[in-house]
Structures are given as C-alpha cells and as structure tokens.
Amino acid sequence: MKKEVRVEVRPLTIVLPIERIMKEAIRMVLESIYDLEFPDISHFRSGRGCHSGLRRIKEKWGTSRWFLEFDIRKCFHTIDRH
C-alpha cells in the first residue's frame, strides 16, 4: 500500500522594495512604543525568540517533557494588502 504525499502550493508573491521599507518603518515605530509594555517573559520581541524562551524554561523548571509548537504562517497569506 502506497502512502499518498500531499504537497501544498502557495502562490508566489513579489514584494516591492517600497513595501518592505514601509513595513520596517512601521515595525520600528510600533516596537518603540509597545516594547516596554510587554512583560519580561515575552519572547516574541526584538532580541528574543525561541532560544531565549527555551533557556528561560530550563532555568525555571529544569528539564521539561512537553513543548507545544504552532505554525501560524498560513494566517498571514489572507491579509488584504490593499
């Protein structure tokens, strides 16, 4: 019995340089406003990420048995860019 492999194809999107510049400018402004409001345990901000979160877990609880991972990439391809 052959196992069927399903491959999802996403449409190719070409981002204009001006869109990247605007996106980065908006990110910088919002980050400067809201970064101080995030709690210290938030690892989804500048200079932090999965590795800093895992270090914090290891420091606080030692060894962990369960980790949850979420894939939210498909949430963003439906945003109306107009």
PDB file of N, CA and C in Angstrom:
ATOM      1  N   MET A   1       0.836  -1.170   0.000  1.00  0.00           N
ATOM      2  CA  MET A   1       0.000   0.000   0.000  1.00  0.00           C
ATOM      3  C   MET A   1       0.891   1.246   0.000  1.00  0.00           C
ATOM      4  N   LYS A   2       0.711   2.132  -0.969  1.00  0.00           N
ATOM      5  CA  LYS A   2       1.499   3.351  -1.061  1.00  0.00           C
ATOM      6  C   LYS A   2       0.835   4.459  -0.254  1.00  0.00           C
ATOM      7  N   LYS A   3       1.672   5.206   0.432  1.00  0.00           N
ATOM      8  CA  LYS A   3       1.169   6.333   1.193  1.00  0.00           C
ATOM      9  C   LYS A   3       1.198   7.576   0.298  1.00  0.00           C
ATOM     10  N   GLU A   4       0.072   8.239   0.190  1.00  0.00           N
ATOM     11  CA  GLU A   4      -0.019   9.410  -0.669  1.00  0.00           C
ATOM     12  C   GLU A   4       0.551  10.624   0.050  1.00  0.00           C
ATOM     13  N   VAL A   5       1.471  11.306  -0.600  1.00  0.00           N
ATOM     14  CA  VAL A   5       2.077  12.506  -0.033  1.00  0.00           C
ATOM     15  C   VAL A   5       1.370  13.711  -0.632  1.00  0.00           C
ATOM     16  N   ARG A   6       0.910  14.578   0.222  1.00  0.00           N
ATOM     17  CA  ARG A   6       0.168  15.754  -0.221  1.00  0.00           C
ATOM     18  C   ARG A   6       1.062  16.984  -0.110  1.00  0.00           C
ATOM     19  N   VAL A   7       1.235  17.693  -1.195  1.00  0.00           N
ATOM     20  CA  VAL A   7       2.064  18.885  -1.209  1.00  0.00           C
ATOM     21  C   VAL A   7       1.178  20.098  -1.454  1.00  0.00           C
ATOM     22  N   GLU A   8       1.284  21.079  -0.569  1.00  0.00           N
ATOM     23  CA  GLU A   8       0.505  22.300  -0.732  1.00  0.00           C
ATOM     24  C   GLU A   8       1.354  23.335  -1.452  1.00  0.00           C
ATOM     25  N   VAL A   9       0.764  23.999  -2.406  1.00  0.00           N
ATOM     26  CA  VAL A   9       1.471  25.020  -3.169  1.00  0.00           C
ATOM     27  C   VAL A   9       0.863  26.373  -2.831  1.00  0.00           C
ATOM     28  N   ARG A  10       1.725  27.304  -2.431  1.00  0.00           N
ATOM     29  CA  ARG A  10       1.279  28.662  -2.145  1.00  0.00           C
ATOM     30  C   ARG A  10       1.629  29.556  -3.320  1.00  0.00           C
ATOM     31  N   PRO A  11       0.789  30.523  -3.621  1.00  0.00           N
ATOM     32  CA  PRO A  11       1.092  31.405  -4.742  1.00  0.00           C
ATOM     33  C   PRO A  11       2.328  32.250  -4.458  1.00  0.00           C
ATOM     34  N   LEU A  12       3.104  32.500  -5.489  1.00  0.00           N
ATOM     35  CA  LEU A  12       4.301  33.315  -5.370  1.00  0.00           C
ATOM     36  C   LEU A  12       3.902  34.775  -5.269  1.00  0.00           C
ATOM     37  N   THR A  13       4.385  35.447  -4.249  1.00  0.00           N
ATOM     38  CA  THR A  13       4.106  36.864  -4.104  1.00  0.00           C
ATOM     39  C   THR A  13       5.414  37.626  -4.187  1.00  0.00           C
ATOM     40  N   ILE A  14       5.414  38.682  -4.944  1.00  0.00           N
ATOM     41  CA  ILE A  14       6.601  39.520  -5.082  1.00  0.00           C
ATOM     42  C   ILE A  14       6.335  40.810  -4.332  1.00  0.00           C
ATOM     43  N   VAL A  15       7.192  41.081  -3.361  1.00  0.00           N
ATOM     44  CA  VAL A  15       7.029  42.260  -2.531  1.00  0.00           C
ATOM     45  C   VAL A  15       7.900  43.372  -3.100  1.00  0.00           C
ATOM     46  N   LEU A  16       7.303  44.515  -3.305  1.00  0.00           N
ATOM     47  CA  LEU A  16       8.035  45.661  -3.821  1.00  0.00           C
ATOM     48  C   LEU A  16       8.959  46.220  -2.738  1.00  0.00           C
ATOM     49  N   PRO A  17      10.102  46.774  -3.122  1.00  0.00           N
ATOM     50  CA  PRO A  17      11.024  47.348  -2.125  1.00  0.00           C
ATOM     51  C   PRO A  17      10.373  48.412  -1.246  1.00  0.00           C
ATOM     52  N   ILE A  18       9.500  49.236  -1.821  1.00  0.00           N
ATOM     53  CA  ILE A  18       8.838  50.270  -1.021  1.00  0.00           C
ATOM     54  C   ILE A  18       7.965  49.651   0.060  1.00  0.00           C
ATOM     55  N   GLU A  19       7.346  48.495  -0.232  1.00  0.00           N
ATOM     56  CA  GLU A  19       6.532  47.814   0.776  1.00  0.00           C
ATOM     57  C   GLU A  19       7.402  47.323   1.931  1.00  0.00           C
ATOM     58  N   ARG A  20       8.579  46.806   1.610  1.00  0.00           N
ATOM     59  CA  ARG A  20       9.497  46.355   2.665  1.00  0.00           C
ATOM     60  C   ARG A  20       9.962  47.515   3.530  1.00  0.00           C
ATOM     61  N   ILE A  21      10.255  48.643   2.892  1.00  0.00           N
ATOM     62  CA  ILE A  21      10.704  49.824   3.645  1.00  0.00           C
ATOM     63  C   ILE A  21       9.597  50.305   4.564  1.00  0.00           C
ATOM     64  N   MET A  22       8.373  50.386   4.049  1.00  0.00           N
ATOM     65  CA  MET A  22       7.246  50.833   4.868  1.00  0.00           C
ATOM     66  C   MET A  22       6.969  49.862   6.012  1.00  0.00           C
ATOM     67  N   LYS A  23       7.037  48.584   5.717  1.00  0.00           N
ATOM     68  CA  LYS A  23       6.805  47.572   6.746  1.00  0.00           C
ATOM     69  C   LYS A  23       7.841  47.699   7.862  1.00  0.00           C
ATOM     70  N   GLU A  24       9.101  47.891   7.499  1.00  0.00           N
ATOM     71  CA  GLU A  24      10.152  48.024   8.501  1.00  0.00           C
ATOM     72  C   GLU A  24       9.980  49.311   9.311  1.00  0.00           C
ATOM     73  N   ALA A  25       9.589  50.403   8.655  1.00  0.00           N
ATOM     74  CA  ALA A  25       9.368  51.663   9.363  1.00  0.00           C
ATOM     75  C   ALA A  25       8.225  51.526  10.373  1.00  0.00           C
ATOM     76  N   ILE A  26       7.147  50.892   9.960  1.00  0.00           N
ATOM     77  CA  ILE A  26       6.007  50.677  10.870  1.00  0.00           C
ATOM     78  C   ILE A  26       6.422  49.780  12.030  1.00  0.00           C
ATOM     79  N   ARG A  27       7.194  48.732  11.735  1.00  0.00           N
ATOM     80  CA  ARG A  27       7.668  47.834  12.795  1.00  0.00           C
ATOM     81  C   ARG A  27       8.510  48.589  13.817  1.00  0.00           C
ATOM     82  N   MET A  28       9.399  49.452  13.330  1.00  0.00           N
ATOM     83  CA  MET A  28      10.270  50.203  14.236  1.00  0.00           C
ATOM     84  C   MET A  28       9.471  51.144  15.135  1.00  0.00           C
ATOM     85  N   VAL A  29       8.486  51.827  14.570  1.00  0.00           N
ATOM     86  CA  VAL A  29       7.657  52.753  15.354  1.00  0.00           C
ATOM     87  C   VAL A  29       6.851  51.988  16.398  1.00  0.00           C
ATOM     88  N   LEU A  30       6.167  50.919  15.969  1.00  0.00           N
ATOM     89  CA  LEU A  30       5.351  50.147  16.909  1.00  0.00           C
ATOM     90  C   LEU A  30       6.197  49.497  17.990  1.00  0.00           C
ATOM     91  N   GLU A  31       7.376  49.002  17.612  1.00  0.00           N
ATOM     92  CA  GLU A  31       8.260  48.376  18.596  1.00  0.00           C
ATOM     93  C   GLU A  31       8.715  49.389  19.637  1.00  0.00           C
ATOM     94  N   SER A  32       9.048  50.600  19.211  1.00  0.00           N
ATOM     95  CA  SER A  32       9.493  51.615  20.170  1.00  0.00           C
ATOM     96  C   SER A  32       8.376  52.026  21.122  1.00  0.00           C
ATOM     97  N   ILE A  33       7.138  51.960  20.660  1.00  0.00           N
ATOM     98  CA  ILE A  33       6.002  52.333  21.506  1.00  0.00           C
ATOM     99  C   ILE A  33       5.630  51.207  22.468  1.00  0.00           C
ATOM    100  N   TYR A  34       5.526  49.981  21.950  1.00  0.00           N
ATOM    101  CA  TYR A  34       4.942  48.890  22.736  1.00  0.00           C
ATOM    102  C   TYR A  34       5.942  47.940  23.387  1.00  0.00           C
ATOM    103  N   ASP A  35       7.201  48.002  23.028  1.00  0.00           N
ATOM    104  CA  ASP A  35       8.164  47.034  23.561  1.00  0.00           C
ATOM    105  C   ASP A  35       8.265  47.101  25.081  1.00  0.00           C
ATOM    106  N   LEU A  36       8.195  48.287  25.634  1.00  0.00           N
ATOM    107  CA  LEU A  36       8.297  48.430  27.093  1.00  0.00           C
ATOM    108  C   LEU A  36       7.079  47.894  27.822  1.00  0.00           C
ATOM    109  N   GLU A  37       5.945  47.784  27.128  1.00  0.00           N
ATOM    110  CA  GLU A  37       4.725  47.287  27.758  1.00  0.00           C
ATOM    111  C   GLU A  37       4.662  45.764  27.841  1.00  0.00           C
ATOM    112  N   PHE A  38       5.453  45.073  27.016  1.00  0.00           N
ATOM    113  CA  PHE A  38       5.440  43.614  27.047  1.00  0.00           C
ATOM    114  C   PHE A  38       6.112  43.116  28.322  1.00  0.00           C
ATOM    115  N   PRO A  39       5.583  42.051  28.904  1.00  0.00           N
ATOM    116  CA  PRO A  39       6.229  41.507  30.108  1.00  0.00           C
ATOM    117  C   PRO A  39       7.585  40.901  29.773  1.00  0.00           C
ATOM    118  N   ASP A  40       8.428  40.773  30.769  1.00  0.00           N
ATOM    119  CA  ASP A  40       9.771  40.238  30.576  1.00  0.00           C
ATOM    120  C   ASP A  40       9.741  38.797  30.068  1.00  0.00           C
ATOM    121  N   ILE A  41       8.657  38.094  30.300  1.00  0.00           N
ATOM    122  CA  ILE A  41       8.585  36.691  29.865  1.00  0.00           C
ATOM    123  C   ILE A  41       8.193  36.548  28.400  1.00  0.00           C
ATOM    124  N   SER A  42       7.879  37.663  27.719  1.00  0.00           N
ATOM    125  CA  SER A  42       7.507  37.600  26.310  1.00  0.00           C
ATOM    126  C   SER A  42       8.757  37.437  25.454  1.00  0.00           C
ATOM    127  N   HIS A  43       8.799  36.398  24.652  1.00  0.00           N
ATOM    128  CA  HIS A  43       9.980  36.122  23.828  1.00  0.00           C
ATOM    129  C   HIS A  43       9.707  36.334  22.351  1.00  0.00           C
ATOM    130  N   PHE A  44       8.658  37.071  22.023  1.00  0.00           N
ATOM    131  CA  PHE A  44       8.330  37.373  20.632  1.00  0.00           C
ATOM    132  C   PHE A  44       8.556  38.850  20.373  1.00  0.00           C
ATOM    133  N   ARG A  45       9.732  39.328  20.747  1.00  0.00           N
ATOM    134  CA  ARG A  45      10.087  40.725  20.539  1.00  0.00           C
ATOM    135  C   ARG A  45      11.553  40.837  20.202  1.00  0.00           C
ATOM    136  N   SER A  46      12.003  42.033  19.969  1.00  0.00           N
ATOM    137  CA  SER A  46      13.361  42.276  19.495  1.00  0.00           C
ATOM    138  C   SER A  46      14.414  41.668  20.419  1.00  0.00           C
ATOM    139  N   GLY A  47      15.361  40.956  19.811  1.00  0.00           N
ATOM    140  CA  GLY A  47      16.453  40.369  20.577  1.00  0.00           C
ATOM    141  C   GLY A  47      16.093  39.087  21.309  1.00  0.00           C
ATOM    142  N   ARG A  48      14.897  38.617  21.117  1.00  0.00           N
ATOM    143  CA  ARG A  48      14.461  37.391  21.781  1.00  0.00           C
ATOM    144  C   ARG A  48      13.831  36.457  20.772  1.00  0.00           C
ATOM    145  N   GLY A  49      13.608  35.234  21.202  1.00  0.00           N
ATOM    146  CA  GLY A  49      12.990  34.273  20.297  1.00  0.00           C
ATOM    147  C   GLY A  49      12.851  32.925  20.974  1.00  0.00           C
ATOM    148  N   CYS A  50      12.798  31.883  20.171  1.00  0.00           N
ATOM    149  CA  CYS A  50      12.602  30.526  20.692  1.00  0.00           C
ATOM    150  C   CYS A  50      13.720  30.119  21.640  1.00  0.00           C
ATOM    151  N   HIS A  51      14.947  30.458  21.291  1.00  0.00           N
ATOM    152  CA  HIS A  51      16.076  30.017  22.115  1.00  0.00           C
ATOM    153  C   HIS A  51      16.091  30.702  23.484  1.00  0.00           C
ATOM    154  N   SER A  52      15.754  31.985  23.533  1.00  0.00           N
ATOM    155  CA  SER A  52      15.710  32.657  24.837  1.00  0.00           C
ATOM    156  C   SER A  52      14.555  32.100  25.672  1.00  0.00           C
ATOM    157  N   GLY A  53      13.451  31.756  25.016  1.00  0.00           N
ATOM    158  CA  GLY A  53      12.329  31.136  25.735  1.00  0.00           C
ATOM    159  C   GLY A  53      12.699  29.777  26.312  1.00  0.00           C
ATOM    160  N   LEU A  54      13.398  28.969  25.514  1.00  0.00           N
ATOM    161  CA  LEU A  54      13.823  27.651  25.995  1.00  0.00           C
ATOM    162  C   LEU A  54      14.834  27.763  27.138  1.00  0.00           C
ATOM    163  N   ARG A  55      15.741  28.753  27.054  1.00  0.00           N
ATOM    164  CA  ARG A  55      16.687  28.973  28.167  1.00  0.00           C
ATOM    165  C   ARG A  55      15.943  29.327  29.452  1.00  0.00           C
ATOM    166  N   ARG A  56      14.921  30.179  29.310  1.00  0.00           N
ATOM    167  CA  ARG A  56      14.136  30.583  30.488  1.00  0.00           C
ATOM    168  C   ARG A  56      13.409  29.380  31.105  1.00  0.00           C
ATOM    169  N   ILE A  57      12.847  28.527  30.257  1.00  0.00           N
ATOM    170  CA  ILE A  57      12.174  27.322  30.752  1.00  0.00           C
ATOM    171  C   ILE A  57      13.169  26.429  31.496  1.00  0.00           C
ATOM    172  N   LYS A  58      14.338  26.253  30.912  1.00  0.00           N
ATOM    173  CA  LYS A  58      15.347  25.397  31.533  1.00  0.00           C
ATOM    174  C   LYS A  58      15.805  25.964  32.877  1.00  0.00           C
ATOM    175  N   GLU A  59      15.975  27.290  32.946  1.00  0.00           N
ATOM    176  CA  GLU A  59      16.371  27.930  34.208  1.00  0.00           C
ATOM    177  C   GLU A  59      15.301  27.771  35.277  1.00  0.00           C
ATOM    178  N   LYS A  60      14.050  27.931  34.885  1.00  0.00           N
ATOM    179  CA  LYS A  60      12.957  27.923  35.868  1.00  0.00           C
ATOM    180  C   LYS A  60      12.537  26.520  36.289  1.00  0.00           C
ATOM    181  N   TRP A  61      12.405  25.608  35.321  1.00  0.00           N
ATOM    182  CA  TRP A  61      11.852  24.293  35.635  1.00  0.00           C
ATOM    183  C   TRP A  61      12.819  23.136  35.459  1.00  0.00           C
ATOM    184  N   GLY A  62      14.043  23.402  35.053  1.00  0.00           N
ATOM    185  CA  GLY A  62      14.971  22.298  34.820  1.00  0.00           C
ATOM    186  C   GLY A  62      14.639  21.597  33.527  1.00  0.00           C
ATOM    187  N   THR A  63      14.405  20.326  33.573  1.00  0.00           N
ATOM    188  CA  THR A  63      14.076  19.599  32.347  1.00  0.00           C
ATOM    189  C   THR A  63      12.565  19.603  32.138  1.00  0.00           C
ATOM    190  N   SER A  64      12.165  19.777  30.923  1.00  0.00           N
ATOM    191  CA  SER A  64      10.740  19.784  30.576  1.00  0.00           C
ATOM    192  C   SER A  64      10.441  18.594  29.689  1.00  0.00           C
ATOM    193  N   ARG A  65       9.236  18.094  29.766  1.00  0.00           N
ATOM    194  CA  ARG A  65       8.850  16.935  28.979  1.00  0.00           C
ATOM    195  C   ARG A  65       7.961  17.297  27.804  1.00  0.00           C
ATOM    196  N   TRP A  66       7.272  18.425  27.877  1.00  0.00           N
ATOM    197  CA  TRP A  66       6.323  18.785  26.823  1.00  0.00           C
ATOM    198  C   TRP A  66       6.638  20.170  26.277  1.00  0.00           C
ATOM    199  N   PHE A  67       6.607  20.275  24.973  1.00  0.00           N
ATOM    200  CA  PHE A  67       6.716  21.567  24.305  1.00  0.00           C
ATOM    201  C   PHE A  67       5.648  21.606  23.224  1.00  0.00           C
ATOM    202  N   LEU A  68       4.983  22.733  23.104  1.00  0.00           N
ATOM    203  CA  LEU A  68       3.957  22.900  22.080  1.00  0.00           C
ATOM    204  C   LEU A  68       4.490  23.842  21.011  1.00  0.00           C
ATOM    205  N   GLU A  69       4.288  23.468  19.776  1.00  0.00           N
ATOM    206  CA  GLU A  69       4.740  24.289  18.666  1.00  0.00           C
ATOM    207  C   GLU A  69       3.549  24.565  17.764  1.00  0.00           C
ATOM    208  N   PHE A  70       3.413  25.808  17.340  1.00  0.00           N
ATOM    209  CA  PHE A  70       2.299  26.203  16.490  1.00  0.00           C
ATOM    210  C   PHE A  70       2.832  26.800  15.191  1.00  0.00           C
ATOM    211  N   ASP A  71       2.193  26.488  14.105  1.00  0.00           N
ATOM    212  CA  ASP A  71       2.559  27.026  12.807  1.00  0.00           C
ATOM    213  C   ASP A  71       1.477  28.016  12.396  1.00  0.00           C
ATOM    214  N   ILE A  72       1.806  29.308  12.417  1.00  0.00           N
ATOM    215  CA  ILE A  72       0.814  30.333  12.096  1.00  0.00           C
ATOM    216  C   ILE A  72       1.097  30.989  10.743  1.00  0.00           C
ATOM    217  N   ARG A  73       1.999  30.424   9.957  1.00  0.00           N
ATOM    218  CA  ARG A  73       2.350  31.019   8.670  1.00  0.00           C
ATOM    219  C   ARG A  73       1.150  31.193   7.748  1.00  0.00           C
ATOM    220  N   LYS A  74       0.247  30.257   7.747  1.00  0.00           N
ATOM    221  CA  LYS A  74      -0.893  30.327   6.826  1.00  0.00           C
ATOM    222  C   LYS A  74      -1.893  31.416   7.218  1.00  0.00           C
ATOM    223  N   CYS A  75      -1.774  31.957   8.412  1.00  0.00           N
ATOM    224  CA  CYS A  75      -2.679  33.034   8.830  1.00  0.00           C
ATOM    225  C   CYS A  75      -2.413  34.313   8.045  1.00  0.00           C
ATOM    226  N   PHE A  76      -1.182  34.506   7.593  1.00  0.00           N
ATOM    227  CA  PHE A  76      -0.796  35.785   7.023  1.00  0.00           C
ATOM    228  C   PHE A  76      -0.997  35.892   5.524  1.00  0.00           C
ATOM    229  N   HIS A  77      -1.212  34.819   4.807  1.00  0.00           N
ATOM    230  CA  HIS A  77      -1.373  34.921   3.367  1.00  0.00           C
ATOM    231  C   HIS A  77      -2.764  35.389   2.959  1.00  0.00           C
ATOM    232  N   THR A  78      -3.658  35.564   3.919  1.00  0.00           N
ATOM    233  CA  THR A  78      -5.007  36.029   3.596  1.00  0.00           C
ATOM    234  C   THR A  78      -5.227  37.494   3.939  1.00  0.00           C
ATOM    235  N   ILE A  79      -4.185  38.209   4.384  1.00  0.00           N
ATOM    236  CA  ILE A  79      -4.310  39.614   4.745  1.00  0.00           C
ATOM    237  C   ILE A  79      -4.469  40.443   3.463  1.00  0.00           C
ATOM    238  N   ASP A  80      -5.460  41.296   3.454  1.00  0.00           N
ATOM    239  CA  ASP A  80      -5.702  42.163   2.300  1.00  0.00           C
ATOM    240  C   ASP A  80      -4.640  43.258   2.278  1.00  0.00           C
ATOM    241  N   ARG A  81      -3.836  43.296   1.243  1.00  0.00           N
ATOM    242  CA  ARG A  81      -2.736  44.260   1.161  1.00  0.00           C
ATOM    243  C   ARG A  81      -3.159  45.594   0.570  1.00  0.00           C
ATOM    244  N   HIS A  82      -4.407  45.689   0.137  1.00  0.00           N
ATOM    245  CA  HIS A  82      -4.861  46.959  -0.452  1.00  0.00           C
ATOM    246  C   HIS A  82      -5.383  47.840   0.656  1.00  0.00           C
TER     247      HIS A  82
END
